[in-house]
Protein backbone atom coordinates (compact mmCIF):
# COMPACT_ATOMS: atom_id res chain seq x y z
CA MET A 1 -58.51 -36.14 -41.06
CA ASN A 2 -62.07 -37.29 -39.59
CA SER A 3 -65.07 -35.03 -40.06
CA PRO A 4 -65.75 -33.04 -37.12
CA HIS A 5 -69.17 -32.91 -35.10
CA ALA A 6 -71.28 -30.32 -33.88
CA LEU A 7 -73.44 -30.63 -30.88
CA LEU A 8 -75.90 -27.64 -31.28
CA LEU A 9 -78.39 -26.93 -28.25
CA GLU A 10 -81.21 -24.75 -27.44
CA ASN A 11 -82.60 -24.41 -30.93
CA ILE A 12 -79.35 -22.67 -32.36
CA HIS A 13 -80.73 -20.83 -35.61
CA THR A 14 -80.73 -22.44 -38.69
CA THR A 15 -78.32 -20.43 -40.36
CA ALA A 16 -75.74 -22.30 -38.11
CA HIS A 17 -76.64 -25.52 -39.40
CA GLU A 18 -76.45 -24.72 -43.06
CA GLU A 19 -72.44 -23.03 -42.39
CA PHE A 20 -71.63 -26.09 -40.75
CA ALA A 21 -73.20 -28.18 -43.48
CA ARG A 22 -71.67 -26.30 -46.02
CA ARG A 23 -67.81 -26.52 -44.30
CA GLY A 24 -68.22 -30.65 -43.97
CA VAL A 25 -69.11 -30.34 -39.78
CA VAL A 26 -71.90 -32.54 -39.08
CA VAL A 27 -74.38 -31.58 -37.11
CA HIS A 28 -76.21 -32.70 -34.06
CA ALA A 29 -79.19 -31.02 -32.68
CA VAL A 30 -80.67 -30.84 -29.30
CA PRO A 31 -83.75 -28.52 -28.69
CA GLY A 32 -83.36 -27.25 -25.26
CA ALA A 33 -80.47 -27.01 -22.17
CA LEU A 34 -78.65 -29.74 -21.16
CA GLY A 35 -77.29 -30.32 -17.55
CA GLU A 36 -73.54 -30.94 -16.70
CA ALA A 37 -73.96 -34.88 -16.66
CA GLN A 38 -76.19 -35.08 -19.77
CA LEU A 39 -74.04 -32.72 -21.54
CA ILE A 40 -71.08 -34.73 -20.83
CA GLU A 41 -73.25 -37.98 -21.78
CA ALA A 42 -74.07 -36.40 -25.13
CA LEU A 43 -70.85 -35.00 -25.86
CA ARG A 44 -69.40 -38.80 -25.41
CA ALA A 45 -71.95 -40.00 -27.79
CA LEU A 46 -70.78 -38.24 -30.58
CA PRO A 47 -68.04 -39.96 -32.41
CA GLN A 48 -64.36 -39.63 -30.62
CA ASP A 49 -62.49 -39.93 -33.87
CA GLY A 50 -62.32 -36.46 -34.85
CA PRO A 51 -62.41 -32.67 -33.09
CA LEU A 52 -65.72 -31.85 -31.30
CA ILE A 53 -67.42 -28.52 -31.10
CA LEU A 54 -70.16 -27.75 -28.45
CA GLY A 55 -72.99 -24.79 -29.37
CA ILE A 56 -74.93 -23.11 -26.75
CA ARG A 57 -76.69 -20.21 -25.92
CA SER A 58 -77.72 -18.62 -22.46
CA LYS A 59 -79.42 -21.67 -20.70
CA THR A 60 -76.71 -24.17 -20.87
CA ARG A 61 -73.72 -24.11 -18.44
CA VAL A 62 -70.23 -25.47 -19.61
CA PRO A 63 -68.44 -25.99 -16.09
CA ALA A 64 -64.89 -27.18 -15.73
CA GLY A 65 -66.12 -30.81 -15.33
CA VAL A 66 -67.18 -30.84 -19.11
CA PHE A 67 -63.59 -29.86 -20.24
CA ALA A 68 -62.32 -32.94 -18.00
CA ALA A 69 -64.55 -35.49 -19.13
CA VAL A 70 -64.20 -34.58 -22.80
CA PRO A 71 -61.04 -34.23 -24.36
CA GLN A 72 -61.98 -34.38 -27.85
CA LEU A 73 -63.92 -31.14 -27.11
CA GLU A 74 -61.97 -28.42 -29.53
CA ALA A 75 -64.25 -25.71 -28.92
CA VAL A 76 -67.24 -24.18 -27.85
CA GLY A 77 -69.37 -21.30 -29.67
CA ALA A 78 -71.87 -19.08 -27.21
CA PHE A 79 -74.66 -18.21 -29.59
CA CYS A 80 -75.48 -15.18 -27.78
CA ILE A 81 -73.31 -11.94 -26.55
CA GLY A 82 -72.66 -13.48 -23.06
CA THR A 83 -70.18 -16.01 -22.13
CA ASP A 84 -70.62 -16.40 -17.82
CA GLN A 85 -72.35 -19.67 -18.39
CA ILE A 86 -69.04 -21.08 -19.70
CA ASP A 87 -66.17 -21.58 -17.21
CA LEU A 88 -63.52 -19.54 -19.42
CA SER A 89 -60.69 -20.19 -17.22
CA ALA A 90 -61.08 -24.14 -17.37
CA ALA A 91 -61.34 -23.46 -20.64
CA GLN A 92 -58.38 -21.71 -21.37
CA ALA A 93 -56.06 -24.15 -18.86
CA SER A 94 -57.63 -26.86 -21.11
CA GLY A 95 -56.79 -25.48 -24.65
CA VAL A 96 -60.45 -25.09 -25.46
CA GLY A 97 -61.48 -22.11 -27.76
CA VAL A 98 -64.84 -20.35 -26.64
CA PHE A 99 -66.05 -17.99 -29.45
CA ASN A 100 -69.34 -15.87 -29.11
CA ALA A 101 -71.06 -12.65 -31.13
CA PRO A 102 -70.40 -10.00 -28.90
CA PHE A 103 -71.66 -7.57 -31.93
CA SER A 104 -74.78 -9.50 -33.82
CA ASN A 105 -77.69 -8.77 -31.68
CA THR A 106 -76.61 -5.62 -30.05
CA ARG A 107 -79.30 -3.61 -32.35
CA SER A 108 -81.82 -5.88 -31.12
CA VAL A 109 -81.43 -5.37 -27.67
CA ALA A 110 -80.87 -1.54 -27.88
CA GLU A 111 -84.34 -1.29 -29.38
CA LEU A 112 -86.40 -3.46 -27.69
CA VAL A 113 -84.82 -1.04 -24.48
CA LEU A 114 -86.07 1.80 -26.24
CA GLY A 115 -89.54 0.51 -27.01
CA GLU A 116 -90.03 0.01 -23.54
CA VAL A 117 -88.67 3.72 -22.62
CA ILE A 118 -91.45 5.02 -24.43
CA MET A 119 -94.05 2.46 -23.55
CA LEU A 120 -92.89 3.34 -19.56
CA ALA A 121 -93.14 7.32 -20.41
CA ARG A 122 -97.08 6.94 -21.67
CA GLN A 123 -98.40 4.08 -19.34
CA THR A 124 -98.73 2.27 -22.33
CA PHE A 125 -98.54 -1.57 -20.46
CA ALA A 126 -100.79 -0.37 -17.48
CA ARG A 127 -103.14 1.03 -19.98
CA SER A 128 -103.54 -1.74 -22.19
CA ALA A 129 -103.96 -4.29 -18.55
CA ALA A 130 -106.85 -1.83 -18.08
CA CYS A 131 -108.68 -2.34 -21.40
CA HIS A 132 -108.03 -6.09 -21.46
CA ARG A 133 -109.94 -6.00 -17.73
CA GLY A 134 -112.90 -3.60 -19.72
CA LEU A 135 -111.60 -0.88 -18.12
CA TRP A 136 -111.58 2.82 -20.05
CA HIS A 137 -108.68 4.79 -18.44
CA LYS A 138 -108.52 7.43 -21.24
CA SER A 139 -106.55 10.29 -19.56
CA ALA A 140 -103.26 12.00 -19.86
CA GLU A 141 -102.26 11.81 -16.39
CA GLY A 142 -98.98 10.48 -15.98
CA SER A 143 -98.16 10.14 -19.39
CA HIS A 144 -95.20 11.92 -20.88
CA GLU A 145 -93.42 12.37 -24.00
CA VAL A 146 -89.92 10.84 -23.87
CA ARG A 147 -88.11 14.30 -25.53
CA GLY A 148 -86.31 16.15 -22.85
CA LYS A 149 -86.18 13.56 -20.61
CA THR A 150 -82.84 12.04 -19.22
CA LEU A 151 -81.41 8.12 -20.12
CA GLY A 152 -79.18 6.92 -17.38
CA ILE A 153 -77.18 4.15 -19.25
CA VAL A 154 -75.14 1.93 -16.84
CA GLY A 155 -72.49 0.12 -19.07
CA TYR A 156 -71.55 1.80 -22.11
CA GLY A 157 -70.40 -0.93 -24.61
CA HIS A 158 -71.64 -1.98 -27.64
CA ILE A 159 -75.57 -2.18 -26.49
CA GLY A 160 -75.18 0.77 -24.16
CA SER A 161 -73.69 2.82 -26.51
CA GLN A 162 -75.74 2.46 -29.57
CA LEU A 163 -78.69 2.82 -27.24
CA SER A 164 -77.69 6.19 -26.78
CA VAL A 165 -77.70 7.22 -30.35
CA LEU A 166 -80.87 5.88 -31.15
CA ALA A 167 -82.37 7.54 -27.65
CA GLU A 168 -80.52 10.98 -28.59
CA SER A 169 -82.69 11.09 -32.11
CA LEU A 170 -85.46 11.26 -29.75
CA GLY A 171 -84.53 14.24 -28.44
CA MET A 172 -83.50 12.78 -25.12
CA LYS A 173 -80.23 13.75 -22.63
CA VAL A 174 -78.11 10.79 -22.10
CA ARG A 175 -75.63 10.52 -19.29
CA TYR A 176 -73.92 7.14 -18.96
CA TYR A 177 -71.55 4.80 -16.20
CA ASP A 178 -68.72 3.01 -17.30
CA ILE A 179 -65.15 2.83 -16.08
CA LEU A 180 -63.98 3.21 -19.66
CA SER A 181 -65.42 4.42 -22.57
CA VAL A 182 -65.76 7.31 -24.96
CA PRO A 183 -69.06 9.09 -25.34
CA LEU A 184 -70.85 9.18 -28.47
CA GLY A 185 -72.94 12.12 -29.54
CA ASN A 186 -73.69 14.32 -26.70
CA ALA A 187 -73.67 11.74 -23.87
CA GLN A 188 -71.70 13.02 -20.88
CA PRO A 189 -70.21 10.32 -18.37
CA CYS A 190 -71.08 10.38 -14.53
CA VAL A 191 -68.45 10.01 -11.93
CA SER A 192 -70.38 7.72 -9.62
CA LEU A 193 -73.30 5.40 -10.25
CA ILE A 194 -74.99 7.32 -7.69
CA GLU A 195 -74.85 10.43 -9.65
CA LEU A 196 -76.47 8.90 -12.46
CA LEU A 197 -79.04 7.44 -10.62
CA SER A 198 -80.20 10.59 -9.20
CA LEU A 199 -80.25 12.46 -12.32
CA SER A 200 -81.98 9.98 -14.68
CA ASP A 201 -85.97 9.92 -15.80
CA PHE A 202 -85.48 6.42 -17.17
CA VAL A 203 -82.06 4.08 -15.84
CA SER A 204 -80.98 1.08 -18.73
CA LEU A 205 -78.78 -1.46 -17.29
CA HIS A 206 -76.00 -2.95 -19.82
CA VAL A 207 -73.44 -5.02 -17.46
CA PRO A 208 -72.02 -8.36 -17.62
CA ASP A 209 -72.61 -10.62 -14.91
CA THR A 210 -69.47 -10.23 -12.48
CA GLU A 211 -68.50 -10.30 -8.75
CA HIS A 212 -68.76 -6.47 -9.27
CA THR A 213 -71.82 -6.24 -10.77
CA ARG A 214 -74.00 -8.85 -8.77
CA GLY A 215 -76.70 -6.82 -6.92
CA MET A 216 -75.14 -3.46 -7.83
CA ILE A 217 -78.53 -2.38 -7.95
CA GLY A 218 -79.96 -2.77 -4.58
CA GLY A 219 -82.06 -1.04 -2.04
CA ASP A 220 -79.83 1.97 -1.46
CA GLU A 221 -79.41 2.24 -5.32
CA ILE A 222 -83.18 2.37 -5.87
CA ALA A 223 -83.62 4.79 -3.18
CA ALA A 224 -81.03 7.36 -5.07
CA MET A 225 -83.00 7.52 -7.96
CA ARG A 226 -85.54 10.29 -8.89
CA ARG A 227 -89.11 9.79 -7.29
CA GLY A 228 -91.29 8.42 -10.51
CA ALA A 229 -88.36 7.16 -12.17
CA ALA A 230 -88.15 4.07 -14.20
CA LEU A 231 -85.64 1.15 -14.01
CA ILE A 232 -84.85 -1.25 -17.24
CA ASN A 233 -82.59 -4.42 -17.02
CA ALA A 234 -81.81 -6.35 -20.50
CA SER A 235 -78.28 -6.94 -19.11
CA ARG A 236 -78.34 -10.03 -16.14
CA GLY A 237 -80.86 -10.98 -13.56
CA GLY A 238 -78.59 -11.03 -10.83
CA VAL A 239 -77.55 -7.29 -11.07
CA VAL A 240 -81.08 -6.07 -9.86
CA ASP A 241 -82.34 -7.12 -6.36
CA ILE A 242 -85.92 -7.64 -7.28
CA ASP A 243 -87.25 -7.80 -3.71
CA ALA A 244 -86.07 -4.21 -3.18
CA LEU A 245 -87.46 -3.19 -6.70
CA ARG A 246 -90.87 -4.48 -5.84
CA ASP A 247 -90.75 -2.30 -2.83
CA ALA A 248 -89.64 0.69 -4.48
CA LEU A 249 -92.78 0.00 -6.94
CA VAL A 250 -95.45 -0.65 -4.68
CA ALA A 251 -94.13 2.24 -2.44
CA GLY A 252 -94.66 4.74 -5.24
CA HIS A 253 -91.06 5.57 -5.33
CA LEU A 254 -90.56 4.42 -8.58
CA GLY A 255 -93.13 4.91 -11.32
CA GLY A 256 -92.62 1.75 -13.56
CA ALA A 257 -89.85 -1.03 -14.94
CA ALA A 258 -89.28 -3.23 -17.42
CA ILE A 259 -87.08 -6.52 -16.80
CA ASP A 260 -86.29 -9.16 -19.36
CA VAL A 261 -83.88 -11.20 -17.25
CA PHE A 262 -84.19 -12.25 -13.84
CA PRO A 263 -81.90 -14.36 -10.90
CA SER A 264 -83.74 -17.40 -11.92
CA GLU A 265 -85.33 -18.21 -15.12
CA PRO A 266 -87.38 -21.42 -16.44
CA ALA A 267 -85.15 -23.76 -18.24
CA ARG A 268 -87.61 -24.38 -20.80
CA VAL A 269 -90.31 -22.83 -23.03
CA GLY A 270 -93.56 -23.51 -21.50
CA ASP A 271 -92.12 -23.99 -17.82
CA VAL A 272 -93.73 -22.04 -14.93
CA PHE A 273 -92.49 -18.45 -14.60
CA ASP A 274 -92.66 -16.82 -11.23
CA SER A 275 -91.44 -13.39 -9.91
CA PRO A 276 -91.96 -10.96 -7.57
CA LEU A 277 -92.85 -8.49 -9.83
CA ARG A 278 -96.03 -10.58 -11.37
CA GLY A 279 -99.14 -8.75 -11.19
CA LEU A 280 -97.60 -4.97 -10.98
CA ASP A 281 -98.95 -3.17 -14.00
CA SER A 282 -96.33 -0.72 -13.67
CA VAL A 283 -94.09 -3.71 -14.95
CA ILE A 284 -93.53 -4.66 -18.18
CA LEU A 285 -92.12 -8.22 -17.87
CA THR A 286 -90.71 -10.16 -21.15
CA PRO A 287 -88.73 -13.65 -21.07
CA HIS A 288 -84.76 -13.02 -21.83
CA ILE A 289 -85.99 -11.70 -25.69
CA GLY A 290 -83.74 -8.96 -25.67
CA GLY A 291 -81.69 -10.26 -28.69
CA SER A 292 -84.48 -12.82 -29.86
CA THR A 293 -85.23 -11.51 -33.56
CA GLU A 294 -85.04 -13.57 -36.37
CA GLU A 295 -82.23 -10.68 -37.76
CA ALA A 296 -80.25 -11.32 -34.50
CA GLN A 297 -80.50 -15.03 -34.14
CA ALA A 298 -79.68 -15.57 -37.83
CA SER A 299 -76.79 -13.10 -37.78
CA ILE A 300 -75.24 -15.06 -34.64
CA GLY A 301 -75.72 -18.54 -35.85
CA ARG A 302 -74.18 -17.29 -38.91
CA GLU A 303 -71.17 -15.24 -37.25
CA VAL A 304 -70.11 -17.75 -34.44
CA ALA A 305 -70.40 -21.06 -37.03
CA VAL A 306 -67.89 -19.06 -39.33
CA SER A 307 -65.71 -18.34 -36.20
CA LEU A 308 -65.61 -22.34 -35.33
CA SER A 309 -65.40 -23.77 -38.80
CA HIS A 310 -62.31 -20.87 -39.24
CA TYR A 311 -60.74 -22.11 -35.97
CA LEU A 312 -60.79 -25.71 -37.27
CA ASP A 313 -60.05 -24.91 -40.63
CA SER A 314 -56.85 -22.94 -40.24
CA GLY A 315 -56.43 -22.19 -36.14
CA ALA A 316 -57.92 -18.32 -36.44
CA THR A 317 -59.45 -17.22 -33.51
CA LEU A 318 -61.29 -14.12 -34.79
CA GLY A 319 -64.05 -14.22 -32.43
CA GLY A 320 -62.36 -16.08 -29.59
CA VAL A 321 -62.39 -15.39 -25.94
CA THR A 322 -60.10 -17.51 -24.62
CA LEU A 323 -57.11 -18.16 -27.04
CA PRO A 324 -54.68 -15.82 -28.21
CA LEU A 325 -55.53 -13.32 -31.07
CA LEU A 326 -53.86 -14.79 -34.06
CA ASP A 327 -54.98 -15.19 -38.01
CA ALA A 328 -52.12 -16.51 -40.05
CA GLY A 329 -54.37 -16.75 -43.30
CA PRO A 330 -55.42 -19.80 -45.58
CA VAL A 331 -52.63 -23.01 -45.65
CA ARG A 332 -51.34 -22.32 -49.25
CA SER A 333 -49.93 -25.77 -49.56
CA GLY A 334 -49.04 -28.46 -47.36
CA SER A 335 -50.47 -28.64 -43.80
CA ARG A 336 -50.72 -26.63 -40.67
CA ILE A 337 -49.79 -27.66 -37.04
CA VAL A 338 -51.85 -26.01 -34.52
CA ASN A 339 -50.19 -26.24 -30.96
CA ILE A 340 -51.69 -24.73 -27.81
CA HIS A 341 -49.30 -24.92 -24.94
CA ARG A 342 -48.38 -23.08 -21.45
CA ASN A 343 -46.92 -19.95 -21.70
CA VAL A 344 -43.71 -20.75 -20.30
CA PRO A 345 -40.01 -19.19 -21.60
CA GLY A 346 -38.38 -21.75 -23.95
CA VAL A 347 -41.56 -23.32 -25.54
CA LEU A 348 -41.02 -22.09 -29.36
CA SER A 349 -37.23 -23.26 -28.93
CA LYS A 350 -38.40 -26.75 -27.64
CA ILE A 351 -41.05 -27.02 -30.50
CA ASN A 352 -38.69 -25.98 -33.34
CA ARG A 353 -36.17 -28.32 -31.82
CA VAL A 354 -38.49 -31.11 -32.86
CA LEU A 355 -39.21 -29.30 -36.15
CA GLY A 356 -35.20 -29.29 -36.96
CA ASP A 357 -34.86 -32.80 -35.69
CA SER A 358 -37.51 -33.98 -38.37
CA GLN A 359 -35.81 -32.42 -41.07
CA VAL A 360 -39.18 -31.02 -41.93
CA ASN A 361 -38.82 -27.19 -43.37
CA ILE A 362 -41.22 -24.44 -41.70
CA THR A 363 -43.11 -22.50 -44.60
CA GLY A 364 -44.79 -20.35 -42.39
CA GLN A 365 -44.78 -19.64 -38.21
CA SER A 366 -46.86 -17.65 -36.08
CA LEU A 367 -47.19 -17.16 -32.49
CA ALA A 368 -49.29 -15.33 -29.93
CA THR A 369 -49.70 -15.66 -26.28
CA VAL A 370 -52.49 -14.50 -23.91
CA ALA A 371 -52.51 -14.82 -20.14
CA SER A 372 -51.06 -18.87 -19.55
CA ILE A 373 -51.50 -19.70 -22.67
CA GLY A 374 -49.79 -19.66 -26.18
CA LEU A 375 -50.89 -20.50 -29.75
CA LEU A 376 -48.61 -21.39 -32.18
CA LEU A 377 -49.36 -22.01 -36.07
CA VAL A 378 -46.70 -23.79 -38.13
CA ASP A 379 -46.67 -24.64 -41.61
CA VAL A 380 -44.95 -27.81 -43.24
CA PRO A 381 -44.83 -28.82 -46.99
CA LEU A 382 -46.49 -32.26 -45.80
CA GLY A 383 -49.70 -33.65 -46.93
CA HIS A 384 -52.30 -34.36 -44.76
CA GLY A 385 -51.99 -38.08 -45.54
CA ASP A 386 -48.23 -38.26 -45.12
CA PRO A 387 -46.87 -40.20 -42.06
CA GLN A 388 -44.25 -38.16 -41.48
CA LEU A 389 -46.69 -35.38 -40.74
CA HIS A 390 -48.66 -37.50 -38.07
CA GLU A 391 -45.09 -38.51 -36.51
CA LEU A 392 -44.49 -34.57 -36.01
CA VAL A 393 -47.63 -33.89 -34.74
CA GLN A 394 -47.27 -36.79 -32.05
CA ALA A 395 -43.98 -35.26 -31.04
CA ILE A 396 -44.81 -31.83 -30.37
CA ALA A 397 -48.19 -33.18 -28.48
CA ALA A 398 -45.55 -34.95 -26.33
CA LEU A 399 -43.96 -32.35 -25.12
CA PRO A 400 -44.52 -31.27 -21.51
CA VAL A 401 -45.70 -28.15 -22.46
CA SER A 402 -48.29 -28.92 -25.08
CA LEU A 403 -51.84 -28.78 -24.06
CA ARG A 404 -53.43 -29.56 -27.52
CA THR A 405 -52.01 -30.49 -30.96
CA ARG A 406 -53.71 -30.92 -34.35
CA VAL A 407 -53.50 -30.35 -37.66
CA ALA A 408 -55.66 -27.65 -39.15
CA ARG A 409 -58.49 -28.92 -41.40
CA GLN A 410 -57.93 -26.60 -44.32
CA SER A 411 -61.50 -26.75 -45.68
CA ALA A 412 -62.62 -25.73 -49.10
CA ALA A 413 -65.55 -23.95 -47.99
């Protein structure tokens, strides 16, 4: 099999490059994000005689057109937590695996948020800005300890729950609002978002970008918050109505805010950043750096590169979000056929009929399905260079139900 090629965008950490190199994947790096047309052009410029991998972070969008235009694209790695920048439905319909790192930077985000809670409680940012202007605002007025205060967490997932534990260690009370979550420590759930907003001294948002979360913190929700409370958003920019937030801050209803994500963000480092919140000393603005620590980026680079490599090597989908979860372990001998097909009745019998007609023995077989997609791993006692293996793969790929069929690499790494 020809070597896979990976196109890595947006300065993905060197740990990913190292993992790919160790596993025989040829890396092509582009420092910034690419638009759809540029992305298609860059992928088509790679050798098309083997599987292609795309690695992105949060700025590059991967719409349906990319999957249609580049059939050799086997998998996409989101070297971050979120995958909303990828058309997951189109990826799944095309049989493209999408992998991410949902746990690697949770600590980094939680630490930043906790630090911002303390900075907002002490008005540190405003006092620092005054010092930079030559003003000496030494006063205890408006500064508070966080001990005994209530932190409201909207979205009690990997980040929210870890933040909950850290906050409790400082003596804070924690309330949270989520659809389905089990509390850690002494955290208590709220029955509604409005209840949480009305009880909290600090509100921290940790929700994905969905049709249900976009604009979930608008004027009415901000009005429901305690007077003098602070809002922190390190989730997605579309969750908060920025204009309504500014109005509440200027009017004095809210005491402060810390915003790390924005509805519209510059595409590249050095581009001009603008926001209605600029110039407010009560607001901490950061350029989407919640998960941007050396430790988190190194971990993400390694984790996603390993997941993608395992998928190429054995068909394993651990860490994937579009294909069924399946891991049949390494191939002991012979070869493994990886087949992605439409999840309709009779698929397995059709494929087994092809295998039976070929008079090739099956040494191992694993099947898993999710939604409209099925993943089948078939081990056969044929070497990679055996013409019969090539014929068998072509026959399975030719079935109307098949979306993608290939031979696993079986890397020695």
